Amino acid sequence: MLSKKLKKALLVGCAVCSVFSLGTTSVYADQNNVSGVGDFEQKLNALLAEHQLPGVVLHIEHQDKLVLHRAYGKVNINDDRNIAKDDIFRIYSMSKPLAAVALLQLVDKGLVSLEADIRDYLPAFEPFEYQGQRQRVTVHQLLSHTAGFGYGGGIKNWVDFRYLIANPLSRRNDLSDLVNDLSGIDLKFIPGSKFEYSIASDIQGAIIEAVTNKPLEEYFQHNLFEPLKMIDTGFYVPQADHRRLVDMYEYDAGTFEKAYTFNKDNILFVEKAQDSEFLTKPRLISAGGGLVSTAQDFANFADMLANGGVFEGQRILSEELISRMVSSHIQGLDKHFLPRVYHGAGFGYGIGVKEVAGDSRAQGSFFWSGLGGTVFWVDPINELQVVVMFQVEDGWVGMEKWMIEHVYPLISSLADAKKKS
């Protein structure tokens, strides 16, 4: 449960986010008879139909109670198969919070230091430089995406072009290849001077593998997936579960601003599940974007974060490091793309953090999304936890905005109904 120290921090409005226990212990009584749920579901189904969107699996918990865990819509708008609650989704960058927890476990054990130079663990890296000056990159900077790395892929500057040519995230690479490909590429800025979303989480995976001397997927399996009962989460879909992977769509909105609302004319079909590269084990085990998961599995992970590092009585990570993970470390810095999408948001360790209240989510809420459309957030002040599994590339912006605008009124209506009963 929430410690007195951390509870006090929340009550005084501190930006350091503490955590409530949001375990699935019971279900709202007679929720099918509560008009708020029916209204919410009617609006969600209308959204999917109006914009010809594939289905959604939604998992909501509030005040230790399961509000909803249901599936809505179709796997493919042109097929008959309904989305199922246990369908599997590509979660892409929602892998990053798991990578952060995995690396922080090694900090808990004294095997990694947050203030150490990452070259202490990955000596294959050449000394880092920015504009000809030697730089030091720490584990803390790597976790907070303030290390000076990028994703590259463009031709706006020489460093991005080097990323494009090196292609460190090639699925033909392993993690040592990734480090070798990055080695010698200049940093994009002085470490600690700004935030830039980057390949840093994949470098975290390389550190985990180097320090533990275990394959990254094996470490995740034994230290995250098994204790958190994430039985359907992994770096690819096993053959027995191929039928559960959903199809992929894309929202070709063009800009973040246009992506806030859906437009059916720009919803494009991309890939049948049977053609997905996620059906076979990759050579590159990407801690930054390589996982598949289900709504229930990810809800278990979010539950652990919300409960201060504990899941079903087992400690996964210390409360101190959970608090550090879900606190913003980029206040006062250039925040890259964050202001275009999230009002008043910062970034912790692999996760977004609300530095100030806004968009209904309270200060201290933490959240993240995946390129493929998946979304989650935990709002400790309002004791709310939401996981949305949705498979539309770049559809996460519009889906998150819609969910925020509709989930909070749903919770309010259920609370009002409870008071009247």
Protein backbone atom coordinates (compact mmCIF):
# COMPACT_ATOMS: atom_id res chain seq x y z
CA MET A 1 0.00 0.00 0.00
CA LEU A 2 0.98 3.65 -0.30
CA SER A 3 3.51 4.74 2.32
CA LYS A 4 2.69 7.71 4.57
CA LYS A 5 5.65 9.61 3.15
CA LEU A 6 4.53 9.13 -0.44
CA LYS A 7 0.87 9.77 0.34
CA LYS A 8 1.84 13.11 1.90
CA ALA A 9 3.81 14.00 -1.24
CA LEU A 10 0.71 13.47 -3.39
CA LEU A 11 -1.55 15.45 -1.09
CA VAL A 12 0.68 18.51 -1.23
CA GLY A 13 0.77 18.34 -5.02
CA CYS A 14 4.36 17.22 -5.42
CA ALA A 15 5.38 16.29 -8.95
CA VAL A 16 7.01 13.15 -7.63
CA CYS A 17 4.36 10.53 -8.30
CA SER A 18 3.69 7.98 -5.59
CA VAL A 19 1.48 4.98 -6.07
CA PHE A 20 -1.86 3.48 -4.95
CA SER A 21 -2.78 -0.18 -4.92
CA LEU A 22 -5.17 -0.80 -7.78
CA GLY A 23 -5.51 -4.55 -7.58
CA THR A 24 -8.38 -6.36 -9.27
CA THR A 25 -10.27 -7.46 -6.17
CA SER A 26 -13.92 -7.06 -7.14
CA VAL A 27 -16.26 -5.77 -9.83
CA TYR A 28 -18.73 -2.90 -9.62
CA ALA A 29 -21.98 -4.49 -8.55
CA ASP A 30 -24.56 -4.79 -11.31
CA GLN A 31 -22.37 -2.72 -13.63
CA ASN A 32 -24.40 -3.84 -16.63
CA ASN A 33 -27.37 -2.09 -15.10
CA VAL A 34 -25.52 1.19 -14.62
CA SER A 35 -26.42 3.60 -17.38
CA GLY A 36 -22.91 5.11 -17.38
CA VAL A 37 -21.36 1.88 -18.65
CA GLY A 38 -23.99 1.48 -21.34
CA ASP A 39 -23.56 5.07 -22.49
CA PHE A 40 -19.79 4.70 -22.59
CA GLU A 41 -19.94 1.48 -24.60
CA GLN A 42 -22.46 2.95 -27.01
CA LYS A 43 -20.15 5.91 -27.68
CA LEU A 44 -17.10 3.66 -28.11
CA ASN A 45 -18.91 1.42 -30.58
CA ALA A 46 -20.10 4.52 -32.43
CA LEU A 47 -16.52 5.81 -32.66
CA LEU A 48 -15.32 2.53 -34.18
CA ALA A 49 -18.21 2.41 -36.65
CA GLU A 50 -18.07 6.06 -37.72
CA HIS A 51 -14.37 6.00 -38.54
CA GLN A 52 -14.20 2.36 -39.71
CA LEU A 53 -11.68 1.44 -37.03
CA PRO A 54 -10.69 -2.07 -35.93
CA GLY A 55 -11.60 -3.23 -32.45
CA VAL A 56 -10.40 -2.32 -28.97
CA VAL A 57 -9.76 -4.31 -25.80
CA LEU A 58 -10.21 -2.13 -22.73
CA HIS A 59 -9.17 -2.76 -19.13
CA ILE A 60 -10.17 -0.20 -16.47
CA GLU A 61 -9.66 -0.40 -12.70
CA HIS A 62 -10.83 2.14 -10.14
CA GLN A 63 -10.43 2.09 -6.37
CA ASP A 64 -9.35 -1.55 -6.24
CA LYS A 65 -12.24 -2.65 -8.42
CA LEU A 66 -12.37 -3.91 -11.99
CA VAL A 67 -14.67 -1.58 -13.89
CA LEU A 68 -14.36 -3.05 -17.38
CA HIS A 69 -12.35 -5.72 -19.16
CA ARG A 70 -14.11 -6.11 -22.48
CA ALA A 71 -13.53 -6.31 -26.20
CA TYR A 72 -15.31 -4.13 -28.77
CA GLY A 73 -15.43 -4.38 -32.55
CA LYS A 74 -13.72 -6.52 -35.16
CA VAL A 75 -10.17 -7.66 -35.77
CA ASN A 76 -10.63 -6.49 -39.35
CA ILE A 77 -13.49 -4.26 -40.43
CA ASN A 78 -14.02 -6.43 -43.52
CA ASP A 79 -14.05 -9.76 -41.67
CA ASP A 80 -16.42 -11.38 -39.22
CA ARG A 81 -14.07 -12.21 -36.35
CA ASN A 82 -14.75 -10.18 -33.24
CA ILE A 83 -11.88 -8.89 -31.13
CA ALA A 84 -11.42 -11.11 -28.07
CA LYS A 85 -10.25 -10.05 -24.60
CA ASP A 86 -7.15 -12.22 -24.86
CA ASP A 87 -6.11 -11.14 -28.35
CA ILE A 88 -2.45 -10.21 -28.76
CA PHE A 89 -1.24 -6.76 -29.83
CA ARG A 90 2.07 -5.28 -30.92
CA ILE A 91 2.80 -2.77 -28.13
CA TYR A 92 5.97 -1.20 -29.60
CA SER A 93 7.10 1.66 -27.30
CA MET A 94 4.99 0.45 -24.39
CA SER A 95 7.92 -1.96 -24.10
CA LYS A 96 10.02 0.93 -22.76
CA PRO A 97 8.57 1.03 -19.21
CA LEU A 98 9.25 -2.69 -18.89
CA ALA A 99 12.83 -2.16 -20.04
CA ALA A 100 13.24 0.54 -17.41
CA VAL A 101 11.95 -1.74 -14.63
CA ALA A 102 14.25 -4.54 -15.80
CA LEU A 103 17.33 -2.30 -15.67
CA LEU A 104 16.28 -0.76 -12.34
CA GLN A 105 16.08 -4.26 -10.85
CA LEU A 106 19.83 -4.47 -11.44
CA VAL A 107 20.23 -1.12 -9.66
CA ASP A 108 18.26 -2.57 -6.74
CA LYS A 109 20.70 -5.49 -6.64
CA GLY A 110 23.75 -3.24 -6.70
CA LEU A 111 24.88 -4.57 -10.08
CA VAL A 112 24.33 -1.25 -11.89
CA SER A 113 24.70 2.34 -10.67
CA LEU A 114 22.49 5.15 -11.94
CA GLU A 115 25.48 7.52 -11.97
CA ALA A 116 27.88 5.15 -13.72
CA ASP A 117 29.12 5.72 -17.26
CA ILE A 118 27.32 3.28 -19.54
CA ARG A 119 30.69 2.38 -21.06
CA ASP A 120 31.48 0.69 -17.74
CA TYR A 121 28.97 -1.95 -18.81
CA LEU A 122 29.31 -1.66 -22.59
CA PRO A 123 33.03 -1.10 -23.24
CA ALA A 124 32.55 -1.75 -26.96
CA PHE A 125 31.25 1.81 -27.24
CA GLU A 126 33.91 4.22 -28.41
CA PRO A 127 34.22 7.32 -26.16
CA PHE A 128 31.22 9.55 -26.67
CA GLU A 129 31.64 12.96 -28.28
CA TYR A 130 29.55 16.01 -29.04
CA GLN A 131 31.01 18.60 -31.41
CA GLY A 132 34.48 17.22 -30.86
CA GLN A 133 34.28 17.27 -27.05
CA ARG A 134 34.45 14.08 -24.99
CA GLN A 135 31.22 13.33 -23.10
CA ARG A 136 30.13 10.98 -20.33
CA VAL A 137 26.73 9.25 -20.56
CA THR A 138 25.22 7.92 -17.33
CA VAL A 139 22.65 5.20 -16.73
CA HIS A 140 20.31 7.86 -15.32
CA GLN A 141 20.55 9.83 -18.56
CA LEU A 142 19.95 6.69 -20.58
CA LEU A 143 16.80 5.87 -18.60
CA SER A 144 15.44 9.43 -18.87
CA HIS A 145 16.27 9.77 -22.59
CA THR A 146 18.56 12.73 -21.89
CA ALA A 147 21.74 10.90 -22.95
CA GLY A 148 22.19 12.48 -26.37
CA PHE A 149 21.08 9.55 -28.51
CA GLY A 150 18.41 9.74 -31.21
CA TYR A 151 16.44 7.44 -33.45
CA GLY A 152 17.78 9.03 -36.62
CA GLY A 153 16.34 7.94 -39.91
CA GLY A 154 16.34 11.35 -41.56
CA ILE A 155 18.71 13.54 -43.49
CA LYS A 156 18.26 16.81 -41.59
CA ASN A 157 21.73 16.54 -40.07
CA TRP A 158 24.83 14.39 -40.26
CA VAL A 159 24.11 12.48 -37.03
CA ASP A 160 20.62 11.44 -38.17
CA PHE A 161 22.09 10.41 -41.51
CA ARG A 162 24.65 8.26 -39.67
CA TYR A 163 21.80 6.49 -37.85
CA LEU A 164 20.07 5.93 -41.17
CA ILE A 165 23.15 4.36 -42.73
CA ALA A 166 24.11 2.30 -39.64
CA ASN A 167 20.54 0.99 -39.11
CA PRO A 168 21.23 -0.24 -35.57
CA LEU A 169 17.65 -1.51 -35.14
CA SER A 170 17.86 -3.92 -38.06
CA ARG A 171 16.12 -7.17 -37.13
CA ARG A 172 19.23 -8.94 -38.44
CA ASN A 173 21.27 -7.45 -35.58
CA ASP A 174 21.75 -8.79 -32.10
CA LEU A 175 22.35 -6.40 -29.19
CA SER A 176 26.13 -6.46 -29.59
CA ASP A 177 25.66 -5.53 -33.26
CA LEU A 178 23.40 -2.66 -32.17
CA VAL A 179 26.12 -1.29 -29.89
CA ASN A 180 28.77 -1.68 -32.59
CA ASP A 181 26.57 0.12 -35.13
CA LEU A 182 26.03 3.04 -32.74
CA SER A 183 29.64 3.23 -31.62
CA GLY A 184 31.43 6.22 -33.08
CA ILE A 185 28.28 8.18 -33.98
CA ASP A 186 28.35 11.60 -32.33
CA LEU A 187 25.81 12.43 -29.64
CA LYS A 188 23.04 14.82 -30.69
CA PHE A 189 23.53 17.07 -27.66
CA ILE A 190 25.45 17.32 -24.39
CA PRO A 191 24.11 14.58 -22.08
CA GLY A 192 21.64 15.93 -19.56
CA SER A 193 20.99 19.17 -21.46
CA LYS A 194 17.71 18.16 -23.16
CA PHE A 195 15.24 15.33 -23.70
CA GLU A 196 15.03 13.41 -26.94
CA TYR A 197 13.07 10.21 -27.40
CA SER A 198 15.57 7.70 -28.67
CA ILE A 199 17.16 4.32 -29.03
CA ALA A 200 18.20 4.58 -25.36
CA SER A 201 15.81 1.83 -24.21
CA ASP A 202 17.42 -0.64 -26.60
CA ILE A 203 20.82 0.27 -25.16
CA GLN A 204 19.32 -0.49 -21.73
CA GLY A 205 18.58 -3.98 -23.05
CA ALA A 206 22.22 -4.36 -24.07
CA ILE A 207 23.33 -3.39 -20.55
CA ILE A 208 20.96 -5.94 -18.99
CA GLU A 209 22.31 -8.67 -21.24
CA ALA A 210 25.94 -7.71 -20.56
CA VAL A 211 25.58 -7.42 -16.78
CA THR A 212 23.52 -10.60 -16.25
CA ASN A 213 25.29 -12.63 -18.95
CA LYS A 214 21.86 -13.90 -19.98
CA PRO A 215 19.86 -13.44 -23.18
CA LEU A 216 17.60 -10.44 -22.73
CA GLU A 217 14.44 -12.43 -23.44
CA GLU A 218 15.41 -14.92 -20.73
CA TYR A 219 15.92 -12.14 -18.19
CA PHE A 220 12.54 -10.59 -19.02
CA GLN A 221 10.84 -13.98 -18.79
CA HIS A 222 12.18 -14.88 -15.35
CA ASN A 223 12.19 -11.44 -13.75
CA LEU A 224 9.15 -9.73 -15.26
CA PHE A 225 6.78 -11.96 -17.18
CA GLU A 226 6.64 -14.90 -14.75
CA PRO A 227 6.27 -12.96 -11.47
CA LEU A 228 3.78 -10.57 -13.07
CA LYS A 229 1.80 -13.42 -14.65
CA MET A 230 2.24 -11.85 -18.08
CA ILE A 231 1.61 -15.19 -19.72
CA ASP A 232 1.05 -13.88 -23.24
CA THR A 233 3.80 -11.24 -23.37
CA GLY A 234 7.03 -11.74 -25.27
CA PHE A 235 9.20 -10.69 -28.19
CA TYR A 236 7.19 -12.75 -30.66
CA VAL A 237 3.97 -14.76 -30.79
CA PRO A 238 4.40 -18.53 -30.28
CA GLN A 239 2.99 -20.67 -33.07
CA ALA A 240 0.15 -22.00 -30.91
CA ASP A 241 -1.12 -18.42 -30.47
CA HIS A 242 -0.69 -17.10 -34.01
CA ARG A 243 -4.45 -16.88 -34.48
CA ARG A 244 -4.68 -14.43 -31.56
CA LEU A 245 -2.47 -11.74 -33.11
CA VAL A 246 -4.64 -8.98 -34.58
CA ASP A 247 -4.39 -7.25 -37.96
CA MET A 248 -2.67 -3.87 -38.30
CA TYR A 249 -4.10 -0.59 -39.59
CA GLU A 250 -2.58 2.89 -39.91
CA TYR A 251 -3.90 6.41 -39.34
CA ASP A 252 -2.27 8.59 -41.98
CA ALA A 253 -3.02 11.87 -40.20
CA GLY A 254 0.17 13.65 -41.23
CA THR A 255 0.75 15.65 -38.02
CA PHE A 256 0.23 15.21 -34.29
CA GLU A 257 -2.33 18.00 -34.35
CA LYS A 258 -4.45 16.32 -37.04
CA ALA A 259 -4.15 12.99 -35.20
CA TYR A 260 -6.17 14.26 -32.22
CA THR A 261 -9.40 13.27 -33.97
CA PHE A 262 -10.02 10.36 -36.31
CA ASN A 263 -10.87 10.73 -39.99
CA LYS A 264 -12.08 7.56 -41.67
CA ASP A 265 -10.67 8.68 -45.01
CA ASN A 266 -7.17 8.34 -43.59
CA ILE A 267 -7.57 4.93 -41.92
CA LEU A 268 -5.56 2.49 -44.01
CA PHE A 269 -5.18 -1.27 -43.82
CA VAL A 270 -1.51 -2.27 -43.41
CA GLU A 271 -1.01 -5.93 -42.56
CA LYS A 272 -2.80 -9.19 -41.94
CA ALA A 273 -1.66 -10.81 -38.74
CA GLN A 274 -0.59 -13.92 -40.65
CA ASP A 275 2.01 -11.80 -42.48
CA SER A 276 3.48 -10.14 -39.38
CA GLU A 277 7.18 -10.36 -38.55
CA PHE A 278 6.09 -10.78 -34.91
CA LEU A 279 5.13 -14.41 -35.64
CA THR A 280 8.80 -15.46 -35.70
CA LYS A 281 11.55 -14.93 -33.15
CA PRO A 282 13.72 -11.97 -34.16
CA ARG A 283 17.48 -11.84 -33.91
CA LEU A 284 17.21 -8.36 -32.42
CA ILE A 285 15.51 -8.49 -29.02
CA SER A 286 14.32 -4.89 -28.83
CA ALA A 287 13.74 -3.64 -25.29
CA GLY A 288 12.55 -0.35 -26.74
CA GLY A 289 9.81 -1.57 -29.03
CA GLY A 290 9.79 -5.33 -29.54
CA LEU A 291 7.07 -6.71 -27.29
CA VAL A 292 3.63 -8.14 -27.92
CA SER A 293 1.10 -8.35 -25.10
CA THR A 294 -2.54 -8.49 -24.03
CA ALA A 295 -4.73 -6.09 -22.08
CA GLN A 296 -4.70 -8.30 -18.98
CA ASP A 297 -0.95 -8.85 -19.08
CA PHE A 298 -0.19 -5.15 -19.34
CA ALA A 299 -2.76 -4.37 -16.65
CA ASN A 300 -0.74 -6.64 -14.34
CA PHE A 301 2.39 -4.61 -15.11
CA ALA A 302 0.55 -1.32 -14.54
CA ASP A 303 -0.85 -2.77 -11.32
CA MET A 304 2.69 -3.40 -10.08
CA LEU A 305 3.70 0.20 -10.85
CA ALA A 306 0.56 1.49 -9.13
CA ASN A 307 1.29 -0.61 -6.05
CA GLY A 308 4.79 0.73 -5.51
CA GLY A 309 6.64 -2.20 -7.08
CA VAL A 310 4.60 -5.04 -5.58
CA PHE A 311 2.37 -7.49 -7.45
CA GLU A 312 0.23 -10.01 -5.55
CA GLY A 313 2.49 -9.76 -2.52
CA GLN A 314 5.77 -10.17 -4.42
CA ARG A 315 8.15 -7.25 -4.69
CA ILE A 316 9.33 -6.68 -8.25
CA LEU A 317 11.15 -3.37 -7.69
CA SER A 318 11.83 -1.22 -4.65
CA GLU A 319 9.35 1.54 -3.83
CA GLU A 320 12.20 4.06 -3.94
CA LEU A 321 13.07 3.21 -7.53
CA ILE A 322 9.42 3.06 -8.60
CA SER A 323 9.00 6.60 -7.26
CA ARG A 324 12.09 7.70 -9.14
CA MET A 325 10.87 5.99 -12.30
CA VAL A 326 7.51 7.78 -12.28
CA SER A 327 8.95 11.21 -11.43
CA SER A 328 9.83 13.68 -14.17
CA HIS A 329 13.55 14.19 -14.76
CA ILE A 330 13.29 16.74 -17.57
CA GLN A 331 11.76 19.77 -15.89
CA GLY A 332 13.25 22.90 -17.38
CA LEU A 333 14.75 21.09 -20.38
CA ASP A 334 13.85 21.11 -24.07
CA LYS A 335 11.19 18.37 -24.23
CA HIS A 336 11.37 17.36 -27.90
CA PHE A 337 7.88 16.40 -29.18
CA LEU A 338 6.13 16.10 -25.78
CA PRO A 339 4.49 19.57 -25.69
CA ARG A 340 2.84 18.93 -29.06
CA VAL A 341 1.01 15.91 -27.68
CA TYR A 342 0.84 16.15 -23.88
CA HIS A 343 0.05 19.31 -21.92
CA GLY A 344 2.27 19.72 -18.88
CA ALA A 345 4.07 16.41 -19.34
CA GLY A 346 7.58 15.38 -18.44
CA PHE A 347 9.43 12.10 -18.65
CA GLY A 348 10.64 9.71 -15.98
CA TYR A 349 12.44 6.44 -16.66
CA GLY A 350 10.87 5.07 -19.84
CA ILE A 351 7.52 6.66 -19.06
CA GLY A 352 5.64 9.94 -19.39
CA VAL A 353 4.68 11.85 -16.24
CA LYS A 354 2.14 14.64 -15.73
CA GLU A 355 4.14 17.48 -14.16
CA VAL A 356 0.96 19.53 -13.80
CA ALA A 357 -2.72 18.64 -13.92
CA GLY A 358 -4.57 18.79 -17.22
CA ASP A 359 -6.66 16.71 -19.68
CA SER A 360 -8.52 15.31 -16.61
CA ARG A 361 -5.46 13.34 -15.46
CA ALA A 362 -4.09 14.56 -12.15
CA GLN A 363 -0.57 15.76 -11.46
CA GLY A 364 1.67 12.74 -10.94
CA SER A 365 -0.22 10.51 -13.38
CA PHE A 366 2.10 8.38 -15.49
CA PHE A 367 1.46 6.97 -18.92
CA TRP A 368 2.79 5.90 -22.27
CA SER A 369 1.67 4.67 -25.69
CA GLY A 370 2.91 2.54 -28.54
CA LEU A 371 3.29 3.35 -32.23
CA GLY A 372 0.77 0.62 -33.05
CA GLY A 373 -2.06 2.34 -31.16
CA THR A 374 -1.82 0.93 -27.62
CA VAL A 375 -2.25 3.25 -24.62
CA PHE A 376 -2.06 3.05 -20.85
CA TRP A 377 -2.09 5.39 -17.88
CA VAL A 378 -2.20 5.27 -14.10
CA ASP A 379 -3.71 8.21 -12.19
CA PRO A 380 -2.78 7.71 -8.51
CA ILE A 381 -4.73 10.70 -7.21
CA ASN A 382 -7.96 9.43 -8.78
CA GLU A 383 -7.03 5.77 -8.15
CA LEU A 384 -7.54 4.95 -11.80
CA GLN A 385 -5.72 2.56 -14.12
CA VAL A 386 -6.50 2.24 -17.84
CA VAL A 387 -5.07 -0.07 -20.52
CA VAL A 388 -6.24 0.25 -24.13
CA MET A 389 -5.22 -2.33 -26.73
CA PHE A 390 -5.83 -0.97 -30.23
CA GLN A 391 -3.92 -1.72 -33.44
CA VAL A 392 -3.80 1.37 -35.63
CA GLU A 393 -0.34 2.81 -36.24
CA ASP A 394 -0.28 6.44 -35.11
CA GLY A 395 -3.83 5.96 -33.81
CA TRP A 396 -2.64 6.24 -30.21
CA VAL A 397 -2.96 10.04 -30.21
CA GLY A 398 -6.64 10.06 -31.13
CA MET A 399 -7.53 7.00 -29.05
CA GLU A 400 -5.84 8.31 -25.92
CA LYS A 401 -7.57 11.67 -26.25
CA TRP A 402 -10.94 9.97 -26.77
CA MET A 403 -10.44 7.65 -23.81
CA ILE A 404 -9.41 10.44 -21.45
CA GLU A 405 -12.48 12.48 -22.42
CA HIS A 406 -14.83 9.54 -21.85
CA VAL A 407 -13.31 7.39 -19.08
CA TYR A 408 -13.38 10.09 -16.41
CA PRO A 409 -17.09 10.85 -16.92
CA LEU A 410 -17.72 7.09 -16.81
CA ILE A 411 -15.99 6.83 -13.44
CA SER A 412 -17.93 9.84 -12.15
CA SER A 413 -21.24 8.34 -13.26
CA LEU A 414 -20.45 5.04 -11.55
CA ALA A 415 -19.51 6.88 -8.34
CA ASP A 416 -22.78 8.84 -8.46
CA ALA A 417 -24.77 5.66 -9.03
CA LYS A 418 -23.05 4.01 -6.09
CA LYS A 419 -23.95 6.91 -3.81
CA LYS A 420 -27.61 6.63 -4.82
CA SER A 421 -27.78 2.87 -4.30
